[in-house]
Amino acid sequence: MPSADDAALLAEVVELRAKNEQLEQALASRAVIDQARGMVMVLAPCSREQSWGLLVDVSQHCNVKLRDVAAALVATTKGQELPEGIRREWRRALRRLHALERR
């Protein structure tokens, strides 16, 4: 039967593995989000801060995670189409951005 120390060590290992997995996922998401931000900056055109705001805006209005919006945008470079809801919200977000710039 494992001792209390062994059980505590096992629990710590399990927790560290879970944190490691979360960090790996965060790094992967970050890369995709940064790629999408670069695309938005070129295509919109807009600043780095505005590109972040656009991604967040679309994510919130579509009720889709930011990393999924970013991944969908990056996937268009490989011939995939944006899902209709995301495409519609991109148009709206860009109109709002350009309307603010005209003020």
N, C-alpha and C. Protein backbone atom coordinates (compact mmCIF):
# COMPACT_ATOMS: atom_id res chain seq x y z
N MET A 1 0.85 -1.18 0.00
CA MET A 1 0.00 0.00 0.00
C MET A 1 0.89 1.24 0.00
N PRO A 2 0.61 2.22 -0.88
CA PRO A 2 1.45 3.41 -0.94
C PRO A 2 1.33 4.25 0.32
N SER A 3 2.45 4.86 0.66
CA SER A 3 2.45 5.72 1.84
C SER A 3 1.81 7.07 1.52
N ALA A 4 1.58 7.86 2.55
CA ALA A 4 1.01 9.20 2.35
C ALA A 4 1.95 10.06 1.53
N ASP A 5 3.26 9.88 1.71
CA ASP A 5 4.25 10.64 0.93
C ASP A 5 4.18 10.26 -0.54
N ASP A 6 4.02 8.96 -0.81
CA ASP A 6 3.91 8.50 -2.19
C ASP A 6 2.64 9.06 -2.84
N ALA A 7 1.56 9.05 -2.11
CA ALA A 7 0.29 9.57 -2.63
C ALA A 7 0.40 11.07 -2.92
N ALA A 8 1.06 11.79 -2.02
CA ALA A 8 1.25 13.24 -2.22
C ALA A 8 2.13 13.49 -3.43
N LEU A 9 3.18 12.70 -3.59
CA LEU A 9 4.07 12.85 -4.74
C LEU A 9 3.34 12.55 -6.04
N LEU A 10 2.55 11.50 -6.04
CA LEU A 10 1.76 11.15 -7.22
C LEU A 10 0.79 12.27 -7.58
N ALA A 11 0.12 12.82 -6.58
CA ALA A 11 -0.81 13.92 -6.84
C ALA A 11 -0.08 15.13 -7.42
N GLU A 12 1.12 15.40 -6.93
CA GLU A 12 1.91 16.52 -7.45
C GLU A 12 2.33 16.28 -8.90
N VAL A 13 2.72 15.06 -9.21
CA VAL A 13 3.11 14.71 -10.58
C VAL A 13 1.92 14.88 -11.52
N VAL A 14 0.77 14.41 -11.10
CA VAL A 14 -0.44 14.54 -11.93
C VAL A 14 -0.77 16.02 -12.16
N GLU A 15 -0.67 16.83 -11.12
CA GLU A 15 -0.95 18.27 -11.24
C GLU A 15 0.06 18.94 -12.16
N LEU A 16 1.33 18.59 -12.03
CA LEU A 16 2.36 19.20 -12.89
C LEU A 16 2.19 18.79 -14.36
N ARG A 17 1.79 17.56 -14.59
CA ARG A 17 1.54 17.12 -15.97
C ARG A 17 0.36 17.89 -16.57
N ALA A 18 -0.67 18.10 -15.78
CA ALA A 18 -1.83 18.86 -16.27
C ALA A 18 -1.43 20.30 -16.58
N LYS A 19 -0.65 20.92 -15.70
CA LYS A 19 -0.19 22.29 -15.95
C LYS A 19 0.69 22.35 -17.19
N ASN A 20 1.55 21.35 -17.37
CA ASN A 20 2.42 21.29 -18.54
C ASN A 20 1.60 21.21 -19.82
N GLU A 21 0.57 20.39 -19.80
CA GLU A 21 -0.31 20.26 -20.98
C GLU A 21 -1.01 21.58 -21.27
N GLN A 22 -1.49 22.26 -20.22
CA GLN A 22 -2.14 23.55 -20.41
C GLN A 22 -1.18 24.57 -21.01
N LEU A 23 0.05 24.58 -20.55
CA LEU A 23 1.05 25.51 -21.08
C LEU A 23 1.36 25.21 -22.55
N GLU A 24 1.47 23.94 -22.89
CA GLU A 24 1.71 23.56 -24.28
C GLU A 24 0.56 24.03 -25.17
N GLN A 25 -0.67 23.85 -24.70
CA GLN A 25 -1.83 24.30 -25.47
C GLN A 25 -1.84 25.82 -25.60
N ALA A 26 -1.47 26.51 -24.53
CA ALA A 26 -1.43 27.97 -24.56
C ALA A 26 -0.39 28.46 -25.56
N LEU A 27 0.77 27.82 -25.59
CA LEU A 27 1.82 28.21 -26.55
C LEU A 27 1.36 27.99 -27.99
N ALA A 28 0.72 26.86 -28.23
CA ALA A 28 0.21 26.58 -29.57
C ALA A 28 -0.86 27.59 -29.97
N SER A 29 -1.76 27.90 -29.04
CA SER A 29 -2.80 28.89 -29.32
C SER A 29 -2.19 30.25 -29.59
N ARG A 30 -1.19 30.61 -28.81
CA ARG A 30 -0.54 31.91 -28.96
C ARG A 30 0.05 32.09 -30.35
N ALA A 31 0.67 31.04 -30.86
CA ALA A 31 1.27 31.11 -32.20
C ALA A 31 0.20 31.37 -33.25
N VAL A 32 -0.91 30.67 -33.16
CA VAL A 32 -2.00 30.84 -34.13
C VAL A 32 -2.60 32.24 -34.00
N ILE A 33 -2.78 32.69 -32.77
CA ILE A 33 -3.35 34.02 -32.55
C ILE A 33 -2.42 35.10 -33.10
N ASP A 34 -1.12 34.94 -32.89
CA ASP A 34 -0.16 35.91 -33.44
C ASP A 34 -0.17 35.91 -34.96
N GLN A 35 -0.29 34.74 -35.58
CA GLN A 35 -0.39 34.68 -37.04
C GLN A 35 -1.64 35.41 -37.52
N ALA A 36 -2.75 35.16 -36.84
CA ALA A 36 -4.00 35.81 -37.23
C ALA A 36 -3.90 37.32 -37.06
N ARG A 37 -3.27 37.77 -35.98
CA ARG A 37 -3.11 39.22 -35.76
C ARG A 37 -2.31 39.83 -36.91
N GLY A 38 -1.27 39.16 -37.32
CA GLY A 38 -0.48 39.66 -38.44
C GLY A 38 -1.31 39.74 -39.72
N MET A 39 -2.12 38.73 -39.95
CA MET A 39 -2.98 38.75 -41.13
C MET A 39 -3.95 39.91 -41.08
N VAL A 40 -4.55 40.12 -39.92
CA VAL A 40 -5.53 41.20 -39.76
C VAL A 40 -4.85 42.55 -39.97
N MET A 41 -3.65 42.71 -39.43
CA MET A 41 -2.93 43.98 -39.59
C MET A 41 -2.69 44.31 -41.06
N VAL A 42 -2.40 43.30 -41.85
CA VAL A 42 -2.15 43.51 -43.28
C VAL A 42 -3.45 43.69 -44.04
N LEU A 43 -4.44 42.88 -43.74
CA LEU A 43 -5.68 42.88 -44.52
C LEU A 43 -6.62 44.03 -44.16
N ALA A 44 -6.61 44.47 -42.90
CA ALA A 44 -7.59 45.47 -42.46
C ALA A 44 -7.37 46.86 -43.06
N PRO A 45 -6.26 47.45 -43.22
CA PRO A 45 -5.05 47.45 -42.40
C PRO A 45 -5.32 48.16 -41.08
N CYS A 46 -4.60 47.73 -40.04
CA CYS A 46 -4.79 48.31 -38.71
C CYS A 46 -3.55 48.07 -37.86
N SER A 47 -3.56 48.65 -36.68
CA SER A 47 -2.43 48.50 -35.76
C SER A 47 -2.50 47.14 -35.06
N ARG A 48 -1.44 46.83 -34.36
CA ARG A 48 -1.38 45.58 -33.58
C ARG A 48 -2.50 45.55 -32.53
N GLU A 49 -2.71 46.67 -31.85
CA GLU A 49 -3.76 46.74 -30.84
C GLU A 49 -5.14 46.58 -31.46
N GLN A 50 -5.35 47.23 -32.59
CA GLN A 50 -6.65 47.12 -33.26
C GLN A 50 -6.88 45.69 -33.76
N SER A 51 -5.84 45.03 -34.22
CA SER A 51 -6.01 43.64 -34.68
C SER A 51 -6.46 42.75 -33.53
N TRP A 52 -5.89 42.98 -32.34
CA TRP A 52 -6.32 42.23 -31.16
C TRP A 52 -7.79 42.52 -30.86
N GLY A 53 -8.14 43.79 -30.90
CA GLY A 53 -9.52 44.18 -30.64
C GLY A 53 -10.50 43.55 -31.62
N LEU A 54 -10.10 43.48 -32.88
CA LEU A 54 -10.97 42.86 -33.88
C LEU A 54 -11.16 41.37 -33.60
N LEU A 55 -10.08 40.69 -33.28
CA LEU A 55 -10.19 39.26 -32.96
C LEU A 55 -11.10 39.03 -31.75
N VAL A 56 -10.90 39.83 -30.72
CA VAL A 56 -11.73 39.70 -29.51
C VAL A 56 -13.19 40.00 -29.85
N ASP A 57 -13.41 41.06 -30.62
CA ASP A 57 -14.77 41.46 -30.99
C ASP A 57 -15.49 40.32 -31.73
N VAL A 58 -14.83 39.77 -32.72
CA VAL A 58 -15.43 38.68 -33.49
C VAL A 58 -15.68 37.48 -32.59
N SER A 59 -14.72 37.15 -31.75
CA SER A 59 -14.86 36.02 -30.84
C SER A 59 -16.08 36.19 -29.94
N GLN A 60 -16.22 37.37 -29.36
CA GLN A 60 -17.33 37.61 -28.45
C GLN A 60 -18.68 37.60 -29.16
N HIS A 61 -18.74 38.22 -30.34
CA HIS A 61 -20.02 38.27 -31.06
C HIS A 61 -20.43 36.92 -31.64
N CYS A 62 -19.45 36.08 -31.92
CA CYS A 62 -19.75 34.74 -32.44
C CYS A 62 -19.90 33.71 -31.34
N ASN A 63 -19.49 34.09 -30.12
CA ASN A 63 -19.46 33.15 -29.00
C ASN A 63 -18.58 31.95 -29.34
N VAL A 64 -17.41 32.27 -29.92
CA VAL A 64 -16.42 31.26 -30.31
C VAL A 64 -15.11 31.66 -29.65
N LYS A 65 -14.37 30.70 -29.15
CA LYS A 65 -13.11 31.00 -28.50
C LYS A 65 -12.18 31.76 -29.46
N LEU A 66 -11.44 32.68 -28.89
CA LEU A 66 -10.52 33.50 -29.68
C LEU A 66 -9.56 32.64 -30.48
N ARG A 67 -9.02 31.60 -29.86
CA ARG A 67 -8.06 30.75 -30.58
C ARG A 67 -8.73 30.05 -31.77
N ASP A 68 -10.03 29.76 -31.66
CA ASP A 68 -10.74 29.12 -32.77
C ASP A 68 -11.01 30.10 -33.90
N VAL A 69 -11.31 31.35 -33.55
CA VAL A 69 -11.47 32.39 -34.57
C VAL A 69 -10.15 32.58 -35.30
N ALA A 70 -9.06 32.66 -34.54
CA ALA A 70 -7.74 32.84 -35.13
C ALA A 70 -7.38 31.65 -36.03
N ALA A 71 -7.64 30.45 -35.56
CA ALA A 71 -7.33 29.26 -36.35
C ALA A 71 -8.13 29.23 -37.65
N ALA A 72 -9.38 29.66 -37.59
CA ALA A 72 -10.21 29.69 -38.80
C ALA A 72 -9.65 30.70 -39.80
N LEU A 73 -9.20 31.84 -39.29
CA LEU A 73 -8.63 32.85 -40.18
C LEU A 73 -7.34 32.35 -40.81
N VAL A 74 -6.47 31.75 -40.01
CA VAL A 74 -5.21 31.22 -40.53
C VAL A 74 -5.47 30.11 -41.53
N ALA A 75 -6.48 29.31 -41.31
CA ALA A 75 -6.82 28.20 -42.22
C ALA A 75 -7.21 28.69 -43.61
N THR A 76 -7.62 29.95 -43.72
CA THR A 76 -7.96 30.48 -45.05
C THR A 76 -6.73 30.54 -45.95
N THR A 77 -5.54 30.55 -45.36
CA THR A 77 -4.31 30.55 -46.18
C THR A 77 -4.08 29.21 -46.83
N LYS A 78 -4.82 28.19 -46.37
CA LYS A 78 -4.71 26.85 -46.93
C LYS A 78 -5.94 26.48 -47.74
N GLY A 79 -6.70 27.50 -48.14
CA GLY A 79 -7.85 27.28 -49.00
C GLY A 79 -9.16 27.02 -48.29
N GLN A 80 -9.17 27.01 -46.97
CA GLN A 80 -10.43 26.79 -46.27
C GLN A 80 -11.20 28.10 -46.18
N GLU A 81 -12.51 27.99 -46.19
CA GLU A 81 -13.36 29.17 -46.08
C GLU A 81 -13.67 29.44 -44.61
N LEU A 82 -13.84 30.72 -44.30
CA LEU A 82 -14.28 31.07 -42.95
C LEU A 82 -15.71 30.58 -42.77
N PRO A 83 -16.03 30.05 -41.61
CA PRO A 83 -17.43 29.71 -41.34
C PRO A 83 -18.30 30.96 -41.47
N GLU A 84 -19.52 30.79 -41.91
CA GLU A 84 -20.40 31.92 -42.21
C GLU A 84 -20.55 32.88 -41.04
N GLY A 85 -20.75 32.38 -39.83
CA GLY A 85 -20.92 33.26 -38.68
C GLY A 85 -19.69 34.12 -38.43
N ILE A 86 -18.53 33.53 -38.54
CA ILE A 86 -17.29 34.29 -38.34
C ILE A 86 -17.11 35.30 -39.46
N ARG A 87 -17.39 34.90 -40.68
CA ARG A 87 -17.26 35.81 -41.82
C ARG A 87 -18.18 37.02 -41.65
N ARG A 88 -19.41 36.77 -41.23
CA ARG A 88 -20.38 37.85 -41.03
C ARG A 88 -19.89 38.81 -39.94
N GLU A 89 -19.39 38.26 -38.84
CA GLU A 89 -18.90 39.12 -37.75
C GLU A 89 -17.62 39.87 -38.14
N TRP A 90 -16.79 39.28 -38.99
CA TRP A 90 -15.60 40.01 -39.47
C TRP A 90 -16.03 41.26 -40.23
N ARG A 91 -17.01 41.09 -41.09
CA ARG A 91 -17.50 42.25 -41.86
C ARG A 91 -18.00 43.34 -40.92
N ARG A 92 -18.79 42.94 -39.94
CA ARG A 92 -19.34 43.91 -38.98
C ARG A 92 -18.22 44.58 -38.17
N ALA A 93 -17.28 43.80 -37.70
CA ALA A 93 -16.18 44.34 -36.90
C ALA A 93 -15.35 45.32 -37.72
N LEU A 94 -15.10 44.99 -38.98
CA LEU A 94 -14.32 45.89 -39.85
C LEU A 94 -15.09 47.18 -40.12
N ARG A 95 -16.40 47.07 -40.30
CA ARG A 95 -17.20 48.29 -40.50
C ARG A 95 -17.14 49.18 -39.27
N ARG A 96 -17.24 48.57 -38.08
CA ARG A 96 -17.15 49.36 -36.85
C ARG A 96 -15.78 50.02 -36.72
N LEU A 97 -14.74 49.30 -37.04
CA LEU A 97 -13.38 49.86 -36.97
C LEU A 97 -13.24 51.05 -37.90
N HIS A 98 -13.66 50.88 -39.14
CA HIS A 98 -13.52 51.96 -40.12
C HIS A 98 -14.42 53.14 -39.80
N ALA A 99 -15.57 52.88 -39.20
CA ALA A 99 -16.46 53.98 -38.79
C ALA A 99 -15.80 54.80 -37.68
N LEU A 100 -15.12 54.13 -36.76
CA LEU A 100 -14.40 54.85 -35.70
C LEU A 100 -13.26 55.68 -36.26
N GLU A 101 -12.60 55.17 -37.28
CA GLU A 101 -11.48 55.90 -37.87
C GLU A 101 -11.93 57.16 -38.59
N ARG A 102 -13.16 57.16 -39.09
CA ARG A 102 -13.67 58.32 -39.84
C ARG A 102 -14.07 59.46 -38.91
N ARG A 103 -14.22 59.18 -37.63
CA ARG A 103 -14.66 60.22 -36.69
C ARG A 103 -13.58 61.22 -36.44
